[in-house]
Every structure is written in C-alpha cells, then in structure tokens.
C-alpha atoms as a PDB file:
ATOM      1  CA  UNK A   1      -8.998  43.641   2.118  1.00  0.00           C
ATOM      2  CA  UNK A   2     -10.711  40.241   2.131  1.00  0.00           C
ATOM      3  CA  UNK A   3     -14.027  41.877   1.203  1.00  0.00           C
ATOM      4  CA  UNK A   4     -12.398  43.661  -1.751  1.00  0.00           C
ATOM      5  CA  UNK A   5     -10.955  40.338  -2.952  1.00  0.00           C
ATOM      6  CA  UNK A   6     -14.378  38.703  -2.577  1.00  0.00           C
ATOM      7  CA  UNK A   7     -16.015  41.382  -4.744  1.00  0.00           C
ATOM      8  CA  UNK A   8     -13.180  41.106  -7.283  1.00  0.00           C
ATOM      9  CA  UNK A   9     -13.523  37.308  -7.421  1.00  0.00           C
ATOM     10  CA  UNK A  10     -17.271  37.541  -7.949  1.00  0.00           C
ATOM     11  CA  UNK A  11     -16.788  40.094 -10.728  1.00  0.00           C
ATOM     12  CA  UNK A  12     -14.067  38.073 -12.436  1.00  0.00           C
ATOM     13  CA  UNK A  13     -16.231  34.948 -12.330  1.00  0.00           C
ATOM     14  CA  UNK A  14     -19.203  36.801 -13.830  1.00  0.00           C
ATOM     15  CA  UNK A  15     -16.987  38.095 -16.658  1.00  0.00           C
ATOM     16  CA  UNK A  16     -15.915  34.562 -17.542  1.00  0.00           C
ATOM     17  CA  UNK A  17     -19.544  33.446 -17.565  1.00  0.00           C
ATOM     18  CA  UNK A  18     -20.365  36.130 -20.150  1.00  0.00           C
ATOM     19  CA  UNK A  19     -20.008  35.314 -23.882  1.00  0.00           C
ATOM     20  CA  UNK A  20     -18.785  38.884 -24.410  1.00  0.00           C
ATOM     21  CA  UNK A  21     -15.580  37.960 -22.574  1.00  0.00           C
ATOM     22  CA  UNK A  22     -14.685  35.287 -25.114  1.00  0.00           C
ATOM     23  CA  UNK A  23     -15.544  37.545 -28.045  1.00  0.00           C
ATOM     24  CA  UNK A  24     -13.206  40.160 -26.543  1.00  0.00           C
ATOM     25  CA  UNK A  25     -10.443  37.576 -26.172  1.00  0.00           C
ATOM     26  CA  UNK A  26     -10.789  36.354 -29.760  1.00  0.00           C
ATOM     27  CA  UNK A  27     -10.838  39.901 -31.175  1.00  0.00           C
ATOM     28  CA  UNK A  28      -7.710  40.806 -29.219  1.00  0.00           C
ATOM     29  CA  UNK A  29      -5.821  37.725 -30.410  1.00  0.00           C
ATOM     30  CA  UNK A  30      -6.874  38.358 -34.014  1.00  0.00           C
ATOM     31  CA  UNK A  31      -5.690  41.972 -33.914  1.00  0.00           C
ATOM     32  CA  UNK A  32      -2.393  41.209 -32.158  1.00  0.00           C
ATOM     33  CA  UNK A  33      -1.865  38.249 -34.480  1.00  0.00           C
ATOM     34  CA  UNK A  34      -2.318  40.585 -37.449  1.00  0.00           C
ATOM     35  CA  UNK A  35       0.240  43.018 -36.028  1.00  0.00           C
ATOM     36  CA  UNK A  36       2.601  40.128 -35.333  1.00  0.00           C
ATOM     37  CA  UNK A  37       2.358  38.656 -38.826  1.00  0.00           C
ATOM     38  CA  UNK A  38       2.640  41.995 -40.654  1.00  0.00           C
ATOM     39  CA  UNK A  39       5.147  43.938 -38.539  1.00  0.00           C
ATOM     40  CA  UNK A  40       7.115  41.458 -36.420  1.00  0.00           C
ATOM     41  CA  UNK A  41       7.337  37.914 -37.803  1.00  0.00           C
ATOM     42  CA  UNK A  42       9.164  38.748 -41.022  1.00  0.00           C
ATOM     43  CA  UNK A  43      11.655  36.154 -42.359  1.00  0.00           C
ATOM     44  CA  UNK A  44      15.200  37.491 -42.425  1.00  0.00           C
ATOM     45  CA  UNK A  45      14.373  40.526 -40.304  1.00  0.00           C
ATOM     46  CA  UNK A  46      15.347  41.290 -36.701  1.00  0.00           C
ATOM     47  CA  UNK A  47      12.943  39.716 -34.167  1.00  0.00           C
ATOM     48  CA  UNK A  48      11.642  42.992 -32.761  1.00  0.00           C
ATOM     49  CA  UNK A  49       8.215  42.779 -31.042  1.00  0.00           C
ATOM     50  CA  UNK A  50       8.044  46.555 -30.430  1.00  0.00           C
ATOM     51  CA  UNK A  51       5.328  47.315 -33.061  1.00  0.00           C
ATOM     52  CA  UNK A  52       3.098  44.573 -31.647  1.00  0.00           C
ATOM     53  CA  UNK A  53       3.126  46.202 -28.215  1.00  0.00           C
ATOM     54  CA  UNK A  54       3.277  49.820 -29.336  1.00  0.00           C
ATOM     55  CA  UNK A  55      -0.030  49.590 -31.222  1.00  0.00           C
ATOM     56  CA  UNK A  56      -1.874  47.454 -28.669  1.00  0.00           C
ATOM     57  CA  UNK A  57      -3.791  50.492 -27.458  1.00  0.00           C
ATOM     58  CA  UNK A  58      -5.642  50.695 -30.783  1.00  0.00           C
ATOM     59  CA  UNK A  59      -7.560  47.477 -30.059  1.00  0.00           C
ATOM     60  CA  UNK A  60      -7.718  47.904 -26.276  1.00  0.00           C
ATOM     61  CA  UNK A  61      -9.509  51.236 -26.790  1.00  0.00           C
ATOM     62  CA  UNK A  62     -12.462  49.251 -28.158  1.00  0.00           C
ATOM     63  CA  UNK A  63     -12.103  46.133 -26.006  1.00  0.00           C
ATOM     64  CA  UNK A  64     -11.892  47.637 -22.511  1.00  0.00           C
ATOM     65  CA  UNK A  65     -15.357  49.310 -22.725  1.00  0.00           C
ATOM     66  CA  UNK A  66     -16.922  45.869 -23.157  1.00  0.00           C
ATOM     67  CA  UNK A  67     -15.040  44.563 -20.121  1.00  0.00           C
ATOM     68  CA  UNK A  68     -16.162  47.429 -17.889  1.00  0.00           C
ATOM     69  CA  UNK A  69     -19.603  48.421 -19.184  1.00  0.00           C
ATOM     70  CA  UNK A  70     -21.591  46.198 -16.811  1.00  0.00           C
ATOM     71  CA  UNK A  71     -19.494  46.638 -13.655  1.00  0.00           C
ATOM     72  CA  UNK A  72     -21.838  49.119 -11.983  1.00  0.00           C
ATOM     73  CA  UNK A  73     -24.464  49.694 -14.690  1.00  0.00           C
ATOM     74  CA  UNK A  74     -25.808  46.173 -14.222  1.00  0.00           C
ATOM     75  CA  UNK A  75     -25.956  46.673 -10.455  1.00  0.00           C
ATOM     76  CA  UNK A  76     -28.128  49.768 -10.992  1.00  0.00           C
ATOM     77  CA  UNK A  77     -30.379  48.060 -13.533  1.00  0.00           C
ATOM     78  CA  UNK A  78     -30.951  44.946 -11.441  1.00  0.00           C
ATOM     79  CA  UNK A  79     -31.274  46.816  -8.151  1.00  0.00           C
ATOM     80  CA  UNK A  80     -28.392  44.897  -6.575  1.00  0.00           C
ATOM     81  CA  UNK A  81     -26.632  48.172  -5.827  1.00  0.00           C
ATOM     82  CA  UNK A  82     -28.982  48.660  -2.872  1.00  0.00           C
ATOM     83  CA  UNK A  83     -28.071  45.222  -1.540  1.00  0.00           C
ATOM     84  CA  UNK A  84     -24.385  46.119  -1.794  1.00  0.00           C
ATOM     85  CA  UNK A  85     -24.960  49.425  -0.027  1.00  0.00           C
ATOM     86  CA  UNK A  86     -26.804  47.783   2.869  1.00  0.00           C
ATOM     87  CA  UNK A  87     -24.046  45.183   3.234  1.00  0.00           C
ATOM     88  CA  UNK A  88     -20.921  45.786   5.345  1.00  0.00           C
ATOM     89  CA  UNK A  89     -19.113  46.849   2.172  1.00  0.00           C
ATOM     90  CA  UNK A  90     -17.962  50.456   1.982  1.00  0.00           C
ATOM     91  CA  UNK A  91     -18.231  52.411  -1.273  1.00  0.00           C
ATOM     92  CA  UNK A  92     -14.467  52.288  -1.748  1.00  0.00           C
ATOM     93  CA  UNK A  93     -14.425  48.509  -1.269  1.00  0.00           C
ATOM     94  CA  UNK A  94     -17.109  48.093  -3.948  1.00  0.00           C
ATOM     95  CA  UNK A  95     -15.173  50.282  -6.376  1.00  0.00           C
ATOM     96  CA  UNK A  96     -11.817  48.616  -5.763  1.00  0.00           C
ATOM     97  CA  UNK A  97     -13.376  45.148  -5.939  1.00  0.00           C
ATOM     98  CA  UNK A  98     -15.022  45.920  -9.276  1.00  0.00           C
ATOM     99  CA  UNK A  99     -11.820  47.501 -10.564  1.00  0.00           C
ATOM    100  CA  UNK A 100      -9.615  44.563  -9.546  1.00  0.00           C
ATOM    101  CA  UNK A 101     -12.071  42.049 -10.994  1.00  0.00           C
ATOM    102  CA  UNK A 102     -12.007  43.824 -14.363  1.00  0.00           C
ATOM    103  CA  UNK A 103      -8.215  44.133 -14.164  1.00  0.00           C
ATOM    104  CA  UNK A 104      -7.991  40.401 -13.534  1.00  0.00           C
ATOM    105  CA  UNK A 105      -9.766  39.672 -16.800  1.00  0.00           C
ATOM    106  CA  UNK A 106      -7.765  42.377 -18.586  1.00  0.00           C
ATOM    107  CA  UNK A 107      -4.569  40.632 -17.458  1.00  0.00           C
ATOM    108  CA  UNK A 108      -5.862  37.355 -18.903  1.00  0.00           C
ATOM    109  CA  UNK A 109      -6.501  39.120 -22.215  1.00  0.00           C
ATOM    110  CA  UNK A 110      -3.045  40.662 -22.561  1.00  0.00           C
ATOM    111  CA  UNK A 111      -1.380  37.485 -21.236  1.00  0.00           C
ATOM    112  CA  UNK A 112      -2.857  35.618 -24.210  1.00  0.00           C
ATOM    113  CA  UNK A 113      -0.379  37.495 -26.433  1.00  0.00           C
ATOM    114  CA  UNK A 114       2.468  35.540 -24.806  1.00  0.00           C
ATOM    115  CA  UNK A 115       1.869  32.900 -27.488  1.00  0.00           C
ATOM    116  CA  UNK A 116       3.340  35.304 -30.053  1.00  0.00           C
ATOM    117  CA  UNK A 117       6.351  36.027 -27.842  1.00  0.00           C
ATOM    118  CA  UNK A 118       6.963  32.279 -27.544  1.00  0.00           C
ATOM    119  CA  UNK A 119       6.807  32.026 -31.337  1.00  0.00           C
ATOM    120  CA  UNK A 120       9.544  34.652 -31.555  1.00  0.00           C
ATOM    121  CA  UNK A 121      11.630  32.758 -29.008  1.00  0.00           C
ATOM    122  CA  UNK A 122      11.223  29.554 -31.022  1.00  0.00           C
ATOM    123  CA  UNK A 123      12.295  31.110 -34.331  1.00  0.00           C
ATOM    124  CA  UNK A 124      14.486  34.028 -33.291  1.00  0.00           C
ATOM    125  CA  UNK A 125      16.402  35.741 -30.517  1.00  0.00           C
ATOM    126  CA  UNK A 126      14.298  38.645 -29.267  1.00  0.00           C
ATOM    127  CA  UNK A 127      15.520  41.118 -26.665  1.00  0.00           C
ATOM    128  CA  UNK A 128      13.590  40.300 -23.490  1.00  0.00           C
ATOM    129  CA  UNK A 129      14.078  43.665 -21.797  1.00  0.00           C
ATOM    130  CA  UNK A 130      11.613  45.601 -24.015  1.00  0.00           C
ATOM    131  CA  UNK A 131       9.208  42.656 -23.810  1.00  0.00           C
ATOM    132  CA  UNK A 132       9.112  42.900 -20.003  1.00  0.00           C
ATOM    133  CA  UNK A 133       8.774  46.694 -20.068  1.00  0.00           C
ATOM    134  CA  UNK A 134       6.037  46.421 -22.720  1.00  0.00           C
ATOM    135  CA  UNK A 135       3.952  44.166 -20.496  1.00  0.00           C
ATOM    136  CA  UNK A 136       4.532  46.576 -17.613  1.00  0.00           C
ATOM    137  CA  UNK A 137       3.287  49.388 -19.863  1.00  0.00           C
ATOM    138  CA  UNK A 138       0.242  47.364 -20.927  1.00  0.00           C
ATOM    139  CA  UNK A 139      -0.578  46.716 -17.266  1.00  0.00           C
ATOM    140  CA  UNK A 140      -0.304  50.396 -16.318  1.00  0.00           C
ATOM    141  CA  UNK A 141      -2.175  51.553 -19.412  1.00  0.00           C
ATOM    142  CA  UNK A 142      -4.885  48.989 -18.739  1.00  0.00           C
ATOM    143  CA  UNK A 143      -5.323  50.166 -15.166  1.00  0.00           C
ATOM    144  CA  UNK A 144      -6.114  53.674 -16.413  1.00  0.00           C
ATOM    145  CA  UNK A 145      -8.409  52.413 -19.167  1.00  0.00           C
ATOM    146  CA  UNK A 146     -10.303  50.155 -16.764  1.00  0.00           C
ATOM    147  CA  UNK A 147     -10.609  52.992 -14.219  1.00  0.00           C
ATOM    148  CA  UNK A 148     -12.149  55.166 -16.953  1.00  0.00           C
ATOM    149  CA  UNK A 149     -14.564  52.339 -17.753  1.00  0.00           C
ATOM    150  CA  UNK A 150     -15.531  51.914 -14.087  1.00  0.00           C
ATOM    151  CA  UNK A 151     -16.246  55.646 -13.872  1.00  0.00           C
ATOM    152  CA  UNK A 152     -18.599  55.705 -16.852  1.00  0.00           C
ATOM    153  CA  UNK A 153     -20.258  52.496 -15.689  1.00  0.00           C
ATOM    154  CA  UNK A 154     -21.035  54.312 -12.430  1.00  0.00           C
ATOM    155  CA  UNK A 155     -22.698  57.180 -14.303  1.00  0.00           C
ATOM    156  CA  UNK A 156     -25.451  55.220 -16.028  1.00  0.00           C
ATOM    157  CA  UNK A 157     -27.571  52.098 -15.649  1.00  0.00           C
ATOM    158  CA  UNK A 158     -27.413  51.584 -19.422  1.00  0.00           C
ATOM    159  CA  UNK A 159     -24.465  49.378 -20.351  1.00  0.00           C
ATOM    160  CA  UNK A 160     -24.300  50.490 -23.986  1.00  0.00           C
ATOM    161  CA  UNK A 161     -24.175  54.146 -22.961  1.00  0.00           C
ATOM    162  CA  UNK A 162     -21.400  53.366 -20.469  1.00  0.00           C
ATOM    163  CA  UNK A 163     -19.447  51.472 -23.147  1.00  0.00           C
ATOM    164  CA  UNK A 164     -19.863  54.255 -25.722  1.00  0.00           C
ATOM    165  CA  UNK A 165     -18.808  56.964 -23.246  1.00  0.00           C
ATOM    166  CA  UNK A 166     -15.725  54.949 -22.273  1.00  0.00           C
ATOM    167  CA  UNK A 167     -14.877  54.302 -25.913  1.00  0.00           C
ATOM    168  CA  UNK A 168     -15.189  57.982 -26.888  1.00  0.00           C
ATOM    169  CA  UNK A 169     -12.922  58.998 -23.993  1.00  0.00           C
ATOM    170  CA  UNK A 170     -10.322  56.364 -24.859  1.00  0.00           C
ATOM    171  CA  UNK A 171     -10.429  57.228 -28.566  1.00  0.00           C
ATOM    172  CA  UNK A 172      -9.869  60.877 -27.628  1.00  0.00           C
ATOM    173  CA  UNK A 173      -6.862  60.048 -25.448  1.00  0.00           C
ATOM    174  CA  UNK A 174      -5.534  57.307 -27.705  1.00  0.00           C
ATOM    175  CA  UNK A 175      -6.012  58.767 -31.182  1.00  0.00           C
ATOM    176  CA  UNK A 176      -7.571  62.219 -31.459  1.00  0.00           C
ATOM    177  CA  UNK A 177      -5.295  64.068 -29.026  1.00  0.00           C
ATOM    178  CA  UNK A 178      -2.211  62.966 -30.958  1.00  0.00           C
ATOM    179  CA  UNK A 179      -3.852  63.883 -34.260  1.00  0.00           C
ATOM    180  CA  UNK A 180      -4.837  67.367 -33.034  1.00  0.00           C
ATOM    181  CA  UNK A 181      -1.312  67.863 -31.685  1.00  0.00           C
ATOM    182  CA  UNK A 182       0.097  67.431 -35.183  1.00  0.00           C
ATOM    183  CA  UNK A 183      -2.202  70.195 -36.457  1.00  0.00           C
ATOM    184  CA  UNK A 184      -1.020  72.779 -33.925  1.00  0.00           C
ATOM    185  CA  UNK A 185       1.632  75.073 -35.474  1.00  0.00           C
ATOM    186  CA  UNK A 186       4.974  75.484 -33.736  1.00  0.00           C
ATOM    187  CA  UNK A 187       5.595  79.123 -34.621  1.00  0.00           C
ATOM    188  CA  UNK A 188       4.454  80.610 -31.307  1.00  0.00           C
ATOM    189  CA  UNK A 189       5.445  79.875 -27.737  1.00  0.00           C
ATOM    190  CA  UNK A 190       1.815  79.310 -26.674  1.00  0.00           C
ATOM    191  CA  UNK A 191       1.324  76.802 -29.482  1.00  0.00           C
ATOM    192  CA  UNK A 192       4.458  74.938 -28.399  1.00  0.00           C
ATOM    193  CA  UNK A 193       3.065  74.670 -24.866  1.00  0.00           C
ATOM    194  CA  UNK A 194      -0.252  73.406 -26.223  1.00  0.00           C
ATOM    195  CA  UNK A 195       1.570  70.755 -28.226  1.00  0.00           C
ATOM    196  CA  UNK A 196       3.461  69.736 -25.109  1.00  0.00           C
ATOM    197  CA  UNK A 197       0.256  69.407 -23.070  1.00  0.00           C
ATOM    198  CA  UNK A 198      -1.513  67.459 -25.803  1.00  0.00           C
ATOM    199  CA  UNK A 199       1.515  65.196 -26.149  1.00  0.00           C
ATOM    200  CA  UNK A 200       1.419  64.428 -22.443  1.00  0.00           C
ATOM    201  CA  UNK A 201      -2.330  63.726 -22.518  1.00  0.00           C
ATOM    202  CA  UNK A 202      -2.057  61.208 -25.366  1.00  0.00           C
ATOM    203  CA  UNK A 203      -1.742  57.518 -24.471  1.00  0.00           C
ATOM    204  CA  UNK A 204       0.374  56.442 -27.459  1.00  0.00           C
ATOM    205  CA  UNK A 205       3.675  58.248 -26.635  1.00  0.00           C
ATOM    206  CA  UNK A 206       3.688  56.853 -23.092  1.00  0.00           C
ATOM    207  CA  UNK A 207       3.048  53.300 -24.283  1.00  0.00           C
ATOM    208  CA  UNK A 208       5.605  53.704 -27.072  1.00  0.00           C
ATOM    209  CA  UNK A 209       8.334  54.389 -24.511  1.00  0.00           C
ATOM    210  CA  UNK A 210       7.560  51.144 -22.672  1.00  0.00           C
ATOM    211  CA  UNK A 211       7.560  49.266 -25.993  1.00  0.00           C
ATOM    212  CA  UNK A 212      11.054  50.629 -26.695  1.00  0.00           C
ATOM    213  CA  UNK A 213      12.267  49.352 -23.334  1.00  0.00           C
ATOM    214  CA  UNK A 214      12.277  52.782 -21.654  1.00  0.00           C
ATOM    215  CA  UNK A 215      10.789  52.945 -18.147  1.00  0.00           C
ATOM    216  CA  UNK A 216      10.348  56.664 -17.468  1.00  0.00           C
ATOM    217  CA  UNK A 217       8.883  57.962 -14.210  1.00  0.00           C
ATOM    218  CA  UNK A 218       6.808  60.443 -16.204  1.00  0.00           C
ATOM    219  CA  UNK A 219       5.026  57.607 -18.019  1.00  0.00           C
ATOM    220  CA  UNK A 220       4.364  55.696 -14.790  1.00  0.00           C
ATOM    221  CA  UNK A 221       2.990  58.826 -13.113  1.00  0.00           C
ATOM    222  CA  UNK A 222       0.741  59.508 -16.112  1.00  0.00           C
ATOM    223  CA  UNK A 223      -0.980  56.114 -15.951  1.00  0.00           C
ATOM    224  CA  UNK A 224      -1.157  55.920 -12.144  1.00  0.00           C
ATOM    225  CA  UNK A 225      -2.489  59.483 -11.865  1.00  0.00           C
ATOM    226  CA  UNK A 226      -5.149  58.746 -14.478  1.00  0.00           C
ATOM    227  CA  UNK A 227      -6.128  55.560 -12.638  1.00  0.00           C
ATOM    228  CA  UNK A 228      -6.374  57.321  -9.277  1.00  0.00           C
ATOM    229  CA  UNK A 229      -8.293  60.268 -10.729  1.00  0.00           C
ATOM    230  CA  UNK A 230     -11.037  58.184 -12.334  1.00  0.00           C
ATOM    231  CA  UNK A 231     -11.377  55.861  -9.329  1.00  0.00           C
ATOM    232  CA  UNK A 232     -11.783  58.944  -7.146  1.00  0.00           C
ATOM    233  CA  UNK A 233     -14.398  60.349  -9.533  1.00  0.00           C
ATOM    234  CA  UNK A 234     -16.224  57.013  -9.361  1.00  0.00           C
ATOM    235  CA  UNK A 235     -16.273  57.279  -5.574  1.00  0.00           C
ATOM    236  CA  UNK A 236     -17.736  60.790  -5.853  1.00  0.00           C
ATOM    237  CA  UNK A 237     -20.449  59.527  -8.229  1.00  0.00           C
ATOM    238  CA  UNK A 238     -21.448  56.647  -5.929  1.00  0.00           C
ATOM    239  CA  UNK A 239     -21.542  58.938  -2.906  1.00  0.00           C
ATOM    240  CA  UNK A 240     -23.716  61.451  -4.758  1.00  0.00           C
ATOM    241  CA  UNK A 241     -26.124  58.682  -5.856  1.00  0.00           C
ATOM    242  CA  UNK A 242     -26.457  57.496  -2.272  1.00  0.00           C
ATOM    243  CA  UNK A 243     -28.082  60.782  -1.247  1.00  0.00           C
ATOM    244  CA  UNK A 244     -30.417  61.201  -4.196  1.00  0.00           C
END
C-alpha cells in the first residue's frame, strides 16, 4: 500500500508542476461559474444548486482527458516505464498509484466549486442533502472517467492521441448515447429494451439522480463497475506490453 501511495504522490506532484493543471482548474471554475450565475444564483428564486452539479459532466468530459493523458503515455515516451517494471512495483501498484494520483488532482478540481456553494450559503438557504450527494456523484463519476483516461493512456505513447481517445469515449457516454436514445422509437418491445440499455450506459441520468439528492444503488454500481472494468483493461494492456 505504501508503494501505491508513493506512486500516487509522485503523480500528483507532477500534475501540479504542469501548467496544464492550472489551465484545467481555471476552465472548470469558469464553466461552473457560468452555470452558477445563469441557472442557480438568481435573485428571488429558490437557492437550488442542482443544475450546477447536474451539468458538471459536460465540462469534465473535456477536462479529465488532459488530467490523464500523460499518466502512462509519458512513461512510454521517456522510457521510464522500463525503470518502473524493473523496480519492486507490481503492474497493479503502478496502475493504482497513477489512478489515485490523478483522482487526487480531480478532487482538487471539483473541490474548487465549493466557493459557489459558500456563496449560496451566504445569500440563501440551500438544502445541504443534495449538495452532499452531488459531490458523492461527482467523485464516483470522476473515478470512472479517470479510469477510462488511464486505460487510453496505457494504449499509446502519444499523449494527444490518448487525450482524444478518452474524450471521444466520454463524449459518447456523456452526450451521444443519450441523444441516440431519444431517436429510438418506442413502438416495439426490442426498441424499448434498446432505449433502456442506452439509458443505463449514459452518464447524465446517473449523475442527475445524485444532483437531485437520490443515492440509488444502481447509480453507484454503474460508476464503480465502469471504474473497475477500465482499470482491469489497463492491467491487461500493461501485461501484454511486457511480453512484446
């Protein structure tokens, strides 16, 4: 466990040394601030932060790829991956360390939005229950997004390619799946089942439930299963590269 924490600490430190990290942080605050000013902080209206959290995935889809793109791609490009492999670290420890380091920075990013919650507290009386569940949802959603990013970073030594692949996957799960679902007719039983499957695959409905204050086991399982699946696939990729 200590070796995983060491890898995570090294990764988190390297992220903070990168200018990309601060660009990501500023972009996130600008987007959330826009949501807050347009949909939440409205004079005379109920202090409801739900829209601010419900639509967070739209910006995180494009931010997370920049957090994760160099996790393993840079190790391949620089040749440090061989040093890691000849060290006492196991493949799983490398993966979990990289994942936790990226999650650490992700948590810093979403925690920055607390400033808007404090603004609501200062000028209104928001319901804290959906706020807590929203942050839980953001944490679970982020774990799956970061795991997807780690996977694509393990596939290529080119950071831009890793970022683009992650972004396309997240856009598909976050936007396109829901859009396609609306196009499927409901007249036939098979079409209804397809709509149900597409609805489960989409990120937005799961995050929307957390934003409404609903903690459903189905939503938790969705994010945790996605996280575990892509971390496992990353392990398979690293093992296959070892024997090439």
